[in-house]
Amino acid sequence: MPGAPSSAGWESEAAADAETGCWQAFNARVKALKRDVLALYYAVHDPRTPVLSKLLPWLVLAYALSPLDLIPDFIPVLGLLDDMLLLPLGLWVSYKLIPAQVMQECRQRAEEEPLLLERNWVVAVLVFVLWTAGLLLLVHWLVRQYGDDDLRPYEWAVLAGTGGVAAIVFSVWMISRLRYEARRRDEWNVALLADAGRVL
């Protein structure tokens, strides 16, 4: 019948709707995770939270604010493991250590007072050092296992070159990330000023 949609058209529209729904659900989960991290930030700074109860939350918060993950995002499936499993698990355990009343108030505060938290570059450097150490151990093993007698005397040069390349890549990435964070903070400040102007 003229003008009637084909079954292929319905299927493509259904697939597009499903993809949009998945993307919206993912974005909602990311926003909820950011609110949870901010609530934890407020909780560890609350004087009613016992000092011993702050230890694990501080570690979780430090890792959550690191711009470099222990499992990089570009690794298929595993790259999402820390964001979708390890970090929520750490947040959940941290919430159990903090008094319920404090946590409830901090969650409400995170909703009402959004705050752009600074990135934790100390943890990022530690993660880089761990990955570089693992890479150097792998190169050492490969040279010892598969390298011939002519290559082994130059193992130190191979290791130094590998470490140097890793340091250069990390430095370039860090500079670009710092520029991105500065732009993001400027946009955040402009948005806050705009909101303040609308309130006035």
Protein backbone atom coordinates (compact mmCIF):
# COMPACT_ATOMS: atom_id res chain seq x y z
CA MET A 1 0.00 0.00 0.00
CA PRO A 2 1.46 3.40 -0.95
CA GLY A 3 2.78 5.43 1.97
CA ALA A 4 2.76 2.47 4.38
CA PRO A 5 6.08 2.08 6.25
CA SER A 6 8.07 -1.01 5.38
CA SER A 7 9.08 -3.56 7.99
CA ALA A 8 12.72 -2.58 7.41
CA GLY A 9 11.81 1.02 8.25
CA TRP A 10 10.14 -0.06 11.49
CA GLU A 11 13.16 -2.17 12.40
CA SER A 12 15.62 0.65 11.77
CA GLU A 13 13.48 3.06 13.83
CA ALA A 14 13.23 0.52 16.66
CA ALA A 15 17.01 -0.01 16.57
CA ALA A 16 17.58 3.78 16.63
CA ASP A 17 15.18 4.15 19.59
CA ALA A 18 16.92 1.32 21.44
CA GLU A 19 20.33 2.91 20.79
CA THR A 20 19.07 6.30 21.99
CA GLY A 21 17.56 4.68 25.09
CA CYS A 22 20.82 2.92 25.91
CA TRP A 23 22.81 6.13 25.43
CA GLN A 24 20.41 8.10 27.67
CA ALA A 25 20.60 5.39 30.33
CA PHE A 26 24.40 5.47 30.15
CA ASN A 27 24.47 9.28 30.46
CA ALA A 28 22.08 9.11 33.42
CA ARG A 29 24.34 6.55 35.11
CA VAL A 30 27.43 8.74 34.53
CA LYS A 31 25.64 11.77 36.04
CA ALA A 32 24.52 9.69 39.03
CA LEU A 33 28.10 8.47 39.51
CA LYS A 34 29.38 12.06 39.47
CA ARG A 35 26.77 13.03 42.08
CA ASP A 36 27.80 10.04 44.22
CA VAL A 37 31.46 11.12 44.05
CA LEU A 38 30.51 14.69 45.03
CA ALA A 39 28.37 13.39 47.92
CA LEU A 40 31.37 11.36 49.12
CA TYR A 41 33.56 14.47 48.86
CA TYR A 42 31.15 16.40 51.07
CA ALA A 43 30.94 13.45 53.49
CA VAL A 44 34.70 13.10 54.05
CA HIS A 45 34.88 16.84 54.79
CA ASP A 46 31.99 16.66 57.26
CA PRO A 47 33.22 16.93 60.89
CA ARG A 48 30.61 14.37 62.00
CA THR A 49 32.31 11.63 59.95
CA PRO A 50 34.72 9.66 62.21
CA VAL A 51 38.40 9.90 61.23
CA LEU A 52 38.82 6.12 60.75
CA SER A 53 35.71 6.04 58.57
CA LYS A 54 37.35 8.54 56.22
CA LEU A 55 40.35 6.37 55.24
CA LEU A 56 38.77 4.15 52.58
CA PRO A 57 36.48 6.94 51.28
CA TRP A 58 39.56 9.15 50.81
CA LEU A 59 41.25 6.43 48.72
CA VAL A 60 38.10 5.87 46.65
CA LEU A 61 37.72 9.63 46.16
CA ALA A 62 41.37 10.02 45.15
CA TYR A 63 41.00 7.28 42.54
CA ALA A 64 37.63 8.59 41.32
CA LEU A 65 39.18 12.03 40.70
CA SER A 66 42.22 10.64 38.88
CA PRO A 67 42.18 11.47 35.15
CA LEU A 68 44.02 8.19 34.46
CA ASP A 69 42.32 4.88 35.25
CA LEU A 70 44.10 1.77 36.47
CA ILE A 71 42.43 -0.06 33.58
CA PRO A 72 42.53 2.34 30.58
CA ASP A 73 39.19 2.98 28.88
CA PHE A 74 40.53 2.06 25.42
CA ILE A 75 40.83 -1.62 26.45
CA PRO A 76 37.63 -3.32 25.22
CA VAL A 77 35.26 -4.46 27.99
CA LEU A 78 37.93 -4.33 30.72
CA GLY A 79 38.28 -0.58 30.22
CA LEU A 80 34.76 -0.06 31.53
CA LEU A 81 35.26 -2.48 34.43
CA ASP A 82 36.59 0.08 36.91
CA ASP A 83 34.02 2.75 35.96
CA MET A 84 31.03 0.41 36.01
CA LEU A 85 32.05 -2.07 38.73
CA LEU A 86 35.13 -1.19 40.82
CA LEU A 87 34.28 2.49 41.41
CA PRO A 88 30.58 1.89 42.28
CA LEU A 89 31.67 -0.94 44.59
CA GLY A 90 34.18 1.36 46.30
CA LEU A 91 31.53 4.07 46.67
CA TRP A 92 29.04 1.58 48.12
CA VAL A 93 31.54 0.31 50.74
CA SER A 94 32.51 3.91 51.57
CA TYR A 95 28.86 4.84 52.11
CA LYS A 96 28.53 1.97 54.59
CA LEU A 97 31.39 3.44 56.67
CA ILE A 98 29.89 6.92 56.89
CA PRO A 99 26.97 7.64 59.27
CA ALA A 100 23.65 7.32 57.41
CA GLN A 101 22.41 10.77 58.46
CA VAL A 102 25.60 12.43 57.22
CA MET A 103 25.46 10.53 53.93
CA GLN A 104 21.82 11.45 53.36
CA GLU A 105 22.52 15.14 53.93
CA CYS A 106 25.60 15.02 51.69
CA ARG A 107 23.62 13.39 48.88
CA GLN A 108 21.03 16.16 49.14
CA ARG A 109 23.80 18.77 49.20
CA ALA A 110 25.34 17.23 46.07
CA GLU A 111 21.99 17.68 44.32
CA GLU A 112 21.58 21.29 45.47
CA GLU A 113 25.21 22.48 45.36
CA PRO A 114 26.97 21.03 42.30
CA LEU A 115 30.72 21.52 42.49
CA LEU A 116 33.43 20.91 39.90
CA LEU A 117 36.08 18.90 41.75
CA GLU A 118 39.78 19.20 40.95
CA ARG A 119 41.45 16.23 39.28
CA ASN A 120 43.90 14.18 41.36
CA TRP A 121 47.16 14.19 39.40
CA VAL A 122 49.13 12.41 42.13
CA VAL A 123 47.10 9.23 41.57
CA ALA A 124 47.43 9.69 37.79
CA VAL A 125 51.24 9.77 38.11
CA LEU A 126 51.18 6.68 40.37
CA VAL A 127 49.04 4.81 37.83
CA PHE A 128 51.45 5.86 35.06
CA VAL A 129 54.42 4.60 37.09
CA LEU A 130 52.68 1.25 37.66
CA TRP A 131 51.87 0.85 33.95
CA THR A 132 55.41 1.88 32.92
CA ALA A 133 56.94 -0.58 35.39
CA GLY A 134 54.74 -3.34 33.98
CA LEU A 135 55.72 -2.38 30.42
CA LEU A 136 59.44 -2.39 31.28
CA LEU A 137 59.12 -5.82 32.93
CA LEU A 138 57.39 -7.11 29.80
CA VAL A 139 60.13 -5.71 27.54
CA HIS A 140 62.82 -7.20 29.82
CA TRP A 141 61.12 -10.60 29.68
CA LEU A 142 60.75 -10.44 25.88
CA VAL A 143 64.43 -9.53 25.42
CA ARG A 144 65.56 -12.33 27.77
CA GLN A 145 63.15 -14.85 26.27
CA TYR A 146 63.41 -14.10 22.55
CA GLY A 147 66.36 -11.77 22.10
CA ASP A 148 69.59 -13.14 20.64
CA ASP A 149 73.05 -12.68 22.12
CA ASP A 150 73.64 -9.57 20.00
CA LEU A 151 70.58 -7.78 21.46
CA ARG A 152 71.03 -8.61 25.15
CA PRO A 153 74.01 -6.27 25.77
CA TYR A 154 71.77 -3.40 24.60
CA GLU A 155 68.86 -4.31 26.84
CA TRP A 156 69.42 -1.23 29.01
CA ALA A 157 69.12 1.00 25.92
CA VAL A 158 65.89 -0.75 24.88
CA LEU A 159 64.47 -0.30 28.39
CA ALA A 160 65.58 3.35 28.54
CA GLY A 161 64.03 4.02 25.13
CA THR A 162 60.76 2.34 26.13
CA GLY A 163 60.60 4.32 29.37
CA GLY A 164 61.45 7.54 27.53
CA VAL A 165 58.73 7.04 24.94
CA ALA A 166 56.21 6.24 27.70
CA ALA A 167 57.21 9.41 29.59
CA ILE A 168 56.85 11.55 26.45
CA VAL A 169 53.42 10.08 25.64
CA PHE A 170 52.28 10.65 29.24
CA SER A 171 53.59 14.24 29.25
CA VAL A 172 51.82 15.10 25.98
CA TRP A 173 48.61 13.50 27.27
CA MET A 174 48.87 15.33 30.61
CA ILE A 175 49.39 18.73 28.95
CA SER A 176 46.40 18.21 26.65
CA ARG A 177 44.31 17.03 29.60
CA LEU A 178 45.30 20.06 31.70
CA ARG A 179 44.25 22.35 28.85
CA TYR A 180 40.95 20.51 28.57
CA GLU A 181 40.37 20.81 32.34
CA ALA A 182 41.13 24.56 32.20
CA ARG A 183 38.56 25.04 29.39
CA ARG A 184 36.06 22.94 31.31
CA ARG A 185 36.55 25.05 34.44
CA ASP A 186 36.13 28.28 32.45
CA GLU A 187 32.87 26.96 30.95
CA TRP A 188 31.72 25.94 34.43
CA ASN A 189 32.45 29.43 35.82
CA VAL A 190 30.63 31.09 32.90
CA ALA A 191 27.61 28.85 33.51
CA LEU A 192 27.63 29.71 37.23
CA LEU A 193 27.78 33.44 36.46
CA ALA A 194 24.91 33.06 33.99
CA ASP A 195 22.84 31.20 36.58
CA ALA A 196 23.62 33.86 39.19
CA GLY A 197 22.52 36.57 36.73
CA ARG A 198 19.22 34.79 36.11
CA VAL A 199 18.61 34.52 39.87
CA LEU A 200 19.29 38.25 40.34
